[in-house]
């Protein structure tokens, strides 16, 4: 499923001739322009792609995290008819329960919008020059959530990122 997800992402960005686009451009292209799926499925696909690390967010902008030139796109590419209805890979559900799962908890605990929480996390990330995951943990800790069980996950994310930079 990951290969097909990468193909869909690469197709959208290559079709647009861009290396980044807004989230709205992404899901509207999938649903309205290409008519591959309903808007709610396109939004879910976008969310899952971000959670799985296939897309990275920078505010409202998104961009692929993989080299698109490495993705083989058949002529007249179109995902399988049931692609957007397939069950989400278990890795997405596992990740949602990890550090990313703190965001909905923060929204609920603080009684603010998801966008407000994300904005605060991005501010910490930028000002402290730390990984997004570390910023999430710092923000959650500042607001009284126990983050101890997420420290190992954050450590592994940082190590993996640093190793991939060195290679």
C-alpha atoms as a PDB file:
ATOM      1  CA  UNK A   1       0.000   0.000   0.000  1.00  0.00           C
ATOM      2  CA  UNK A   2       2.912   2.378   0.707  1.00  0.00           C
ATOM      3  CA  UNK A   3       4.148   2.135  -2.884  1.00  0.00           C
ATOM      4  CA  UNK A   4       0.713   3.054  -4.213  1.00  0.00           C
ATOM      5  CA  UNK A   5       0.488   5.908  -1.688  1.00  0.00           C
ATOM      6  CA  UNK A   6       3.847   7.214  -2.929  1.00  0.00           C
ATOM      7  CA  UNK A   7       2.638   6.914  -6.521  1.00  0.00           C
ATOM      8  CA  UNK A   8      -0.492   8.958  -5.794  1.00  0.00           C
ATOM      9  CA  UNK A   9       1.560  11.623  -4.006  1.00  0.00           C
ATOM     10  CA  UNK A  10       4.223  11.760  -6.733  1.00  0.00           C
ATOM     11  CA  UNK A  11       1.543  11.917  -9.424  1.00  0.00           C
ATOM     12  CA  UNK A  12      -0.200  14.872  -7.767  1.00  0.00           C
ATOM     13  CA  UNK A  13       2.994  16.875  -7.299  1.00  0.00           C
ATOM     14  CA  UNK A  14       4.337  16.094 -10.775  1.00  0.00           C
ATOM     15  CA  UNK A  15       0.960  16.924 -12.336  1.00  0.00           C
ATOM     16  CA  UNK A  16       0.982  20.276 -10.528  1.00  0.00           C
ATOM     17  CA  UNK A  17       4.634  20.862 -11.422  1.00  0.00           C
ATOM     18  CA  UNK A  18       5.374  21.749  -7.818  1.00  0.00           C
ATOM     19  CA  UNK A  19       7.537  20.542  -4.955  1.00  0.00           C
ATOM     20  CA  UNK A  20       5.050  21.805  -2.364  1.00  0.00           C
ATOM     21  CA  UNK A  21       1.365  22.716  -2.297  1.00  0.00           C
ATOM     22  CA  UNK A  22      -1.342  23.621   0.164  1.00  0.00           C
ATOM     23  CA  UNK A  23      -3.310  20.890   1.869  1.00  0.00           C
ATOM     24  CA  UNK A  24      -6.446  22.156   0.127  1.00  0.00           C
ATOM     25  CA  UNK A  25      -4.797  21.940  -3.303  1.00  0.00           C
ATOM     26  CA  UNK A  26      -3.805  18.368  -2.506  1.00  0.00           C
ATOM     27  CA  UNK A  27      -7.171  16.993  -1.435  1.00  0.00           C
ATOM     28  CA  UNK A  28      -9.174  19.042  -3.936  1.00  0.00           C
ATOM     29  CA  UNK A  29      -6.964  17.800  -6.758  1.00  0.00           C
ATOM     30  CA  UNK A  30      -7.635  14.201  -5.693  1.00  0.00           C
ATOM     31  CA  UNK A  31     -11.370  14.629  -5.298  1.00  0.00           C
ATOM     32  CA  UNK A  32     -12.597  17.437  -7.544  1.00  0.00           C
ATOM     33  CA  UNK A  33     -10.114  17.615 -10.413  1.00  0.00           C
ATOM     34  CA  UNK A  34      -9.143  13.968 -10.830  1.00  0.00           C
ATOM     35  CA  UNK A  35     -12.395  12.621  -9.354  1.00  0.00           C
ATOM     36  CA  UNK A  36     -10.562   9.684  -7.813  1.00  0.00           C
ATOM     37  CA  UNK A  37     -12.439   9.806  -4.506  1.00  0.00           C
ATOM     38  CA  UNK A  38     -14.841  11.859  -2.365  1.00  0.00           C
ATOM     39  CA  UNK A  39     -13.414  14.862  -0.494  1.00  0.00           C
ATOM     40  CA  UNK A  40     -13.569  13.103   2.899  1.00  0.00           C
ATOM     41  CA  UNK A  41     -11.495  10.181   1.548  1.00  0.00           C
ATOM     42  CA  UNK A  42      -8.988  12.628   0.044  1.00  0.00           C
ATOM     43  CA  UNK A  43      -8.647  14.445   3.378  1.00  0.00           C
ATOM     44  CA  UNK A  44      -8.161  11.112   5.176  1.00  0.00           C
ATOM     45  CA  UNK A  45      -5.513  10.102   2.629  1.00  0.00           C
ATOM     46  CA  UNK A  46      -3.729  13.422   3.241  1.00  0.00           C
ATOM     47  CA  UNK A  47      -3.871  12.914   7.017  1.00  0.00           C
ATOM     48  CA  UNK A  48      -2.593   9.326   6.755  1.00  0.00           C
ATOM     49  CA  UNK A  49       0.227  10.368   4.403  1.00  0.00           C
ATOM     50  CA  UNK A  50       1.378  12.961   6.931  1.00  0.00           C
ATOM     51  CA  UNK A  51       1.088  10.517   9.844  1.00  0.00           C
ATOM     52  CA  UNK A  52       3.099   7.883   7.980  1.00  0.00           C
ATOM     53  CA  UNK A  53       5.781  10.436   7.152  1.00  0.00           C
ATOM     54  CA  UNK A  54       5.231  10.401   3.381  1.00  0.00           C
ATOM     55  CA  UNK A  55       4.343  14.099   3.473  1.00  0.00           C
ATOM     56  CA  UNK A  56       5.714  16.790   5.746  1.00  0.00           C
ATOM     57  CA  UNK A  57       3.805  19.840   6.901  1.00  0.00           C
ATOM     58  CA  UNK A  58       5.045  23.399   7.013  1.00  0.00           C
ATOM     59  CA  UNK A  59       2.022  25.344   8.181  1.00  0.00           C
ATOM     60  CA  UNK A  60      -0.611  24.855   5.479  1.00  0.00           C
ATOM     61  CA  UNK A  61       1.988  23.717   2.950  1.00  0.00           C
ATOM     62  CA  UNK A  62       2.910  20.079   2.386  1.00  0.00           C
ATOM     63  CA  UNK A  63       5.699  18.388   0.456  1.00  0.00           C
ATOM     64  CA  UNK A  64       6.834  14.806  -0.131  1.00  0.00           C
ATOM     65  CA  UNK A  65       9.487  13.393   2.185  1.00  0.00           C
ATOM     66  CA  UNK A  66      10.808  11.002  -0.451  1.00  0.00           C
ATOM     67  CA  UNK A  67      12.547  11.629  -3.791  1.00  0.00           C
ATOM     68  CA  UNK A  68       9.724  11.688  -6.329  1.00  0.00           C
ATOM     69  CA  UNK A  69      12.135  10.782  -9.131  1.00  0.00           C
ATOM     70  CA  UNK A  70      12.490   7.337  -7.526  1.00  0.00           C
ATOM     71  CA  UNK A  71       8.758   6.620  -7.908  1.00  0.00           C
ATOM     72  CA  UNK A  72       7.760   4.751 -11.060  1.00  0.00           C
ATOM     73  CA  UNK A  73       4.515   6.079 -12.510  1.00  0.00           C
ATOM     74  CA  UNK A  74       2.927   3.969 -15.241  1.00  0.00           C
ATOM     75  CA  UNK A  75       1.508   5.772 -18.267  1.00  0.00           C
ATOM     76  CA  UNK A  76      -2.092   6.829 -17.529  1.00  0.00           C
ATOM     77  CA  UNK A  77      -1.540   6.162 -13.823  1.00  0.00           C
ATOM     78  CA  UNK A  78      -4.658   5.882 -11.717  1.00  0.00           C
ATOM     79  CA  UNK A  79      -4.894   4.164  -8.309  1.00  0.00           C
ATOM     80  CA  UNK A  80      -7.006   1.029  -8.000  1.00  0.00           C
ATOM     81  CA  UNK A  81     -10.727   1.683  -7.634  1.00  0.00           C
ATOM     82  CA  UNK A  82     -10.789   0.617  -3.970  1.00  0.00           C
ATOM     83  CA  UNK A  83      -7.521   2.329  -3.001  1.00  0.00           C
ATOM     84  CA  UNK A  84      -9.101   5.192  -1.049  1.00  0.00           C
ATOM     85  CA  UNK A  85     -11.507   2.823   0.720  1.00  0.00           C
ATOM     86  CA  UNK A  86      -8.824   0.421   1.964  1.00  0.00           C
ATOM     87  CA  UNK A  87      -8.285   0.055   5.681  1.00  0.00           C
ATOM     88  CA  UNK A  88      -5.650   2.364   7.045  1.00  0.00           C
ATOM     89  CA  UNK A  89      -2.342   0.579   7.617  1.00  0.00           C
ATOM     90  CA  UNK A  90      -1.865  -0.407  11.240  1.00  0.00           C
ATOM     91  CA  UNK A  91       1.267   1.756  11.374  1.00  0.00           C
ATOM     92  CA  UNK A  92      -0.968   4.844  11.145  1.00  0.00           C
ATOM     93  CA  UNK A  93      -3.061   3.746  14.100  1.00  0.00           C
ATOM     94  CA  UNK A  94       0.077   2.915  16.087  1.00  0.00           C
ATOM     95  CA  UNK A  95       1.594   6.312  15.307  1.00  0.00           C
ATOM     96  CA  UNK A  96      -1.579   8.124  16.320  1.00  0.00           C
ATOM     97  CA  UNK A  97      -1.233   6.552  19.725  1.00  0.00           C
ATOM     98  CA  UNK A  98       2.377   7.713  19.898  1.00  0.00           C
ATOM     99  CA  UNK A  99       3.643  11.267  20.127  1.00  0.00           C
ATOM    100  CA  UNK A 100       1.176  12.464  17.462  1.00  0.00           C
ATOM    101  CA  UNK A 101      -1.597  11.085  19.657  1.00  0.00           C
ATOM    102  CA  UNK A 102      -0.778  13.786  22.195  1.00  0.00           C
ATOM    103  CA  UNK A 103      -2.166  16.491  19.916  1.00  0.00           C
ATOM    104  CA  UNK A 104      -5.829  15.403  20.216  1.00  0.00           C
ATOM    105  CA  UNK A 105      -5.297  14.979  23.967  1.00  0.00           C
ATOM    106  CA  UNK A 106      -3.932  18.533  24.186  1.00  0.00           C
ATOM    107  CA  UNK A 107      -6.889  19.882  22.202  1.00  0.00           C
ATOM    108  CA  UNK A 108      -9.281  18.153  24.581  1.00  0.00           C
ATOM    109  CA  UNK A 109      -7.376  19.061  27.750  1.00  0.00           C
ATOM    110  CA  UNK A 110      -6.843  22.721  26.860  1.00  0.00           C
ATOM    111  CA  UNK A 111     -10.185  23.253  25.142  1.00  0.00           C
ATOM    112  CA  UNK A 112      -8.569  24.903  22.126  1.00  0.00           C
ATOM    113  CA  UNK A 113      -8.519  24.125  18.409  1.00  0.00           C
ATOM    114  CA  UNK A 114      -6.104  21.704  16.784  1.00  0.00           C
ATOM    115  CA  UNK A 115      -4.700  24.616  14.765  1.00  0.00           C
ATOM    116  CA  UNK A 116      -3.940  26.534  17.977  1.00  0.00           C
ATOM    117  CA  UNK A 117      -2.065  23.554  19.427  1.00  0.00           C
ATOM    118  CA  UNK A 118      -0.128  23.028  16.178  1.00  0.00           C
ATOM    119  CA  UNK A 119       0.766  26.736  16.041  1.00  0.00           C
ATOM    120  CA  UNK A 120       2.161  26.613  19.592  1.00  0.00           C
ATOM    121  CA  UNK A 121       4.126  23.449  18.811  1.00  0.00           C
ATOM    122  CA  UNK A 122       5.551  25.025  15.643  1.00  0.00           C
ATOM    123  CA  UNK A 123       6.571  28.101  17.652  1.00  0.00           C
ATOM    124  CA  UNK A 124       8.458  25.916  20.142  1.00  0.00           C
ATOM    125  CA  UNK A 125      10.015  23.953  17.276  1.00  0.00           C
ATOM    126  CA  UNK A 126      11.221  27.154  15.603  1.00  0.00           C
ATOM    127  CA  UNK A 127      12.301  29.092  18.713  1.00  0.00           C
ATOM    128  CA  UNK A 128      14.057  26.198  20.438  1.00  0.00           C
ATOM    129  CA  UNK A 129      15.334  24.683  17.161  1.00  0.00           C
ATOM    130  CA  UNK A 130      14.122  21.195  18.093  1.00  0.00           C
ATOM    131  CA  UNK A 131      12.438  18.341  16.254  1.00  0.00           C
ATOM    132  CA  UNK A 132       8.652  18.544  15.953  1.00  0.00           C
ATOM    133  CA  UNK A 133       8.275  15.487  18.196  1.00  0.00           C
ATOM    134  CA  UNK A 134      10.380  17.124  20.908  1.00  0.00           C
ATOM    135  CA  UNK A 135       8.306  20.306  20.620  1.00  0.00           C
ATOM    136  CA  UNK A 136       5.114  18.247  21.067  1.00  0.00           C
ATOM    137  CA  UNK A 137       6.565  16.655  24.207  1.00  0.00           C
ATOM    138  CA  UNK A 138       7.693  20.004  25.598  1.00  0.00           C
ATOM    139  CA  UNK A 139       4.284  21.574  25.004  1.00  0.00           C
ATOM    140  CA  UNK A 140       2.432  18.593  26.474  1.00  0.00           C
ATOM    141  CA  UNK A 141       4.719  18.572  29.530  1.00  0.00           C
ATOM    142  CA  UNK A 142       4.222  22.329  30.026  1.00  0.00           C
ATOM    143  CA  UNK A 143       0.483  21.669  30.150  1.00  0.00           C
ATOM    144  CA  UNK A 144       0.656  18.866  32.682  1.00  0.00           C
ATOM    145  CA  UNK A 145       0.541  15.734  30.526  1.00  0.00           C
ATOM    146  CA  UNK A 146       2.812  12.828  31.439  1.00  0.00           C
ATOM    147  CA  UNK A 147       5.173  12.398  28.494  1.00  0.00           C
ATOM    148  CA  UNK A 148       7.569   9.867  30.014  1.00  0.00           C
ATOM    149  CA  UNK A 149       6.276   6.969  27.909  1.00  0.00           C
ATOM    150  CA  UNK A 150       7.011   8.927  24.703  1.00  0.00           C
ATOM    151  CA  UNK A 151      10.671   9.717  25.418  1.00  0.00           C
ATOM    152  CA  UNK A 152      12.012   6.522  23.870  1.00  0.00           C
ATOM    153  CA  UNK A 153       9.946   7.105  20.714  1.00  0.00           C
ATOM    154  CA  UNK A 154      11.319  10.655  20.428  1.00  0.00           C
ATOM    155  CA  UNK A 155      14.856   9.362  20.950  1.00  0.00           C
ATOM    156  CA  UNK A 156      14.449   6.820  18.121  1.00  0.00           C
ATOM    157  CA  UNK A 157      12.995   9.449  15.766  1.00  0.00           C
ATOM    158  CA  UNK A 158      15.937  11.780  16.416  1.00  0.00           C
ATOM    159  CA  UNK A 159      18.533   9.026  15.995  1.00  0.00           C
ATOM    160  CA  UNK A 160      16.892   7.802  12.778  1.00  0.00           C
ATOM    161  CA  UNK A 161      16.837  11.343  11.394  1.00  0.00           C
ATOM    162  CA  UNK A 162      20.464  12.018  12.286  1.00  0.00           C
ATOM    163  CA  UNK A 163      21.619   8.685  10.835  1.00  0.00           C
ATOM    164  CA  UNK A 164      19.777   9.348   7.563  1.00  0.00           C
ATOM    165  CA  UNK A 165      21.447  12.793   7.352  1.00  0.00           C
ATOM    166  CA  UNK A 166      24.874  11.222   7.802  1.00  0.00           C
ATOM    167  CA  UNK A 167      24.352   8.677   5.025  1.00  0.00           C
END
